Amino acid sequence: MIYNQQEFEIRMEWGLKGAEMLAPVSDVMIIVDVLSFSTCVDIATQRER
């Protein structure tokens, strides 16, 4: 199974499907939402004062 990644201590995947597949075989999951943060920074820095 491609999502299992059993041979690795740290597993990484992309998107909702990847998270759903890794959840049952992971003790801890960390979700990084880079795009949302980047969008907020872009909006904040482009605002006219």
Protein backbone atom coordinates (compact mmCIF):
# COMPACT_ATOMS: atom_id res chain seq x y z
CA MET A 1 0.00 0.00 0.00
CA ILE A 2 1.50 3.34 -1.05
CA TYR A 3 0.11 5.30 1.92
CA ASN A 4 1.32 2.88 4.58
CA GLN A 5 5.03 3.77 4.47
CA GLN A 6 5.71 1.18 7.21
CA GLU A 7 9.46 1.13 6.65
CA PHE A 8 9.76 4.79 7.69
CA GLU A 9 9.59 6.25 11.20
CA ILE A 10 8.32 9.59 9.87
CA ARG A 11 5.63 9.42 7.20
CA MET A 12 4.50 12.27 4.98
CA GLU A 13 1.59 12.57 2.62
CA TRP A 14 -0.41 15.19 0.77
CA GLY A 15 -4.07 16.10 0.98
CA LEU A 16 -7.16 14.71 2.66
CA LYS A 17 -6.84 11.25 1.09
CA GLY A 18 -3.27 10.90 2.31
CA ALA A 19 -4.27 11.95 5.84
CA GLU A 20 -7.15 9.48 5.85
CA MET A 21 -4.87 6.64 4.79
CA LEU A 22 -2.05 7.44 7.24
CA ALA A 23 -4.26 8.08 10.28
CA PRO A 24 -4.85 4.40 11.16
CA VAL A 25 -1.11 3.59 11.08
CA SER A 26 0.17 6.76 12.79
CA ASP A 27 0.47 7.63 16.48
CA VAL A 28 0.65 11.39 15.81
CA MET A 29 -0.31 13.48 12.80
CA ILE A 30 0.80 17.07 12.17
CA ILE A 31 -1.07 19.03 9.53
CA VAL A 32 0.74 21.95 7.91
CA ASP A 33 -1.55 24.39 6.13
CA VAL A 34 1.02 26.43 4.22
CA LEU A 35 -1.28 27.74 1.51
CA SER A 36 -3.78 29.26 3.93
CA PHE A 37 -1.01 31.07 5.82
CA SER A 38 0.55 32.33 2.58
CA THR A 39 -2.80 33.64 1.40
CA CYS A 40 -3.33 35.52 4.67
CA VAL A 41 0.14 37.06 4.49
CA ASP A 42 -0.42 38.08 0.88
CA ILE A 43 -3.76 39.73 1.70
CA ALA A 44 -2.33 41.50 4.74
CA THR A 45 0.68 42.89 2.88
CA GLN A 46 -1.34 44.03 -0.14
CA ARG A 47 -3.90 46.04 1.84
CA GLU A 48 -3.76 49.76 1.30
CA ARG A 49 -3.16 51.79 4.41
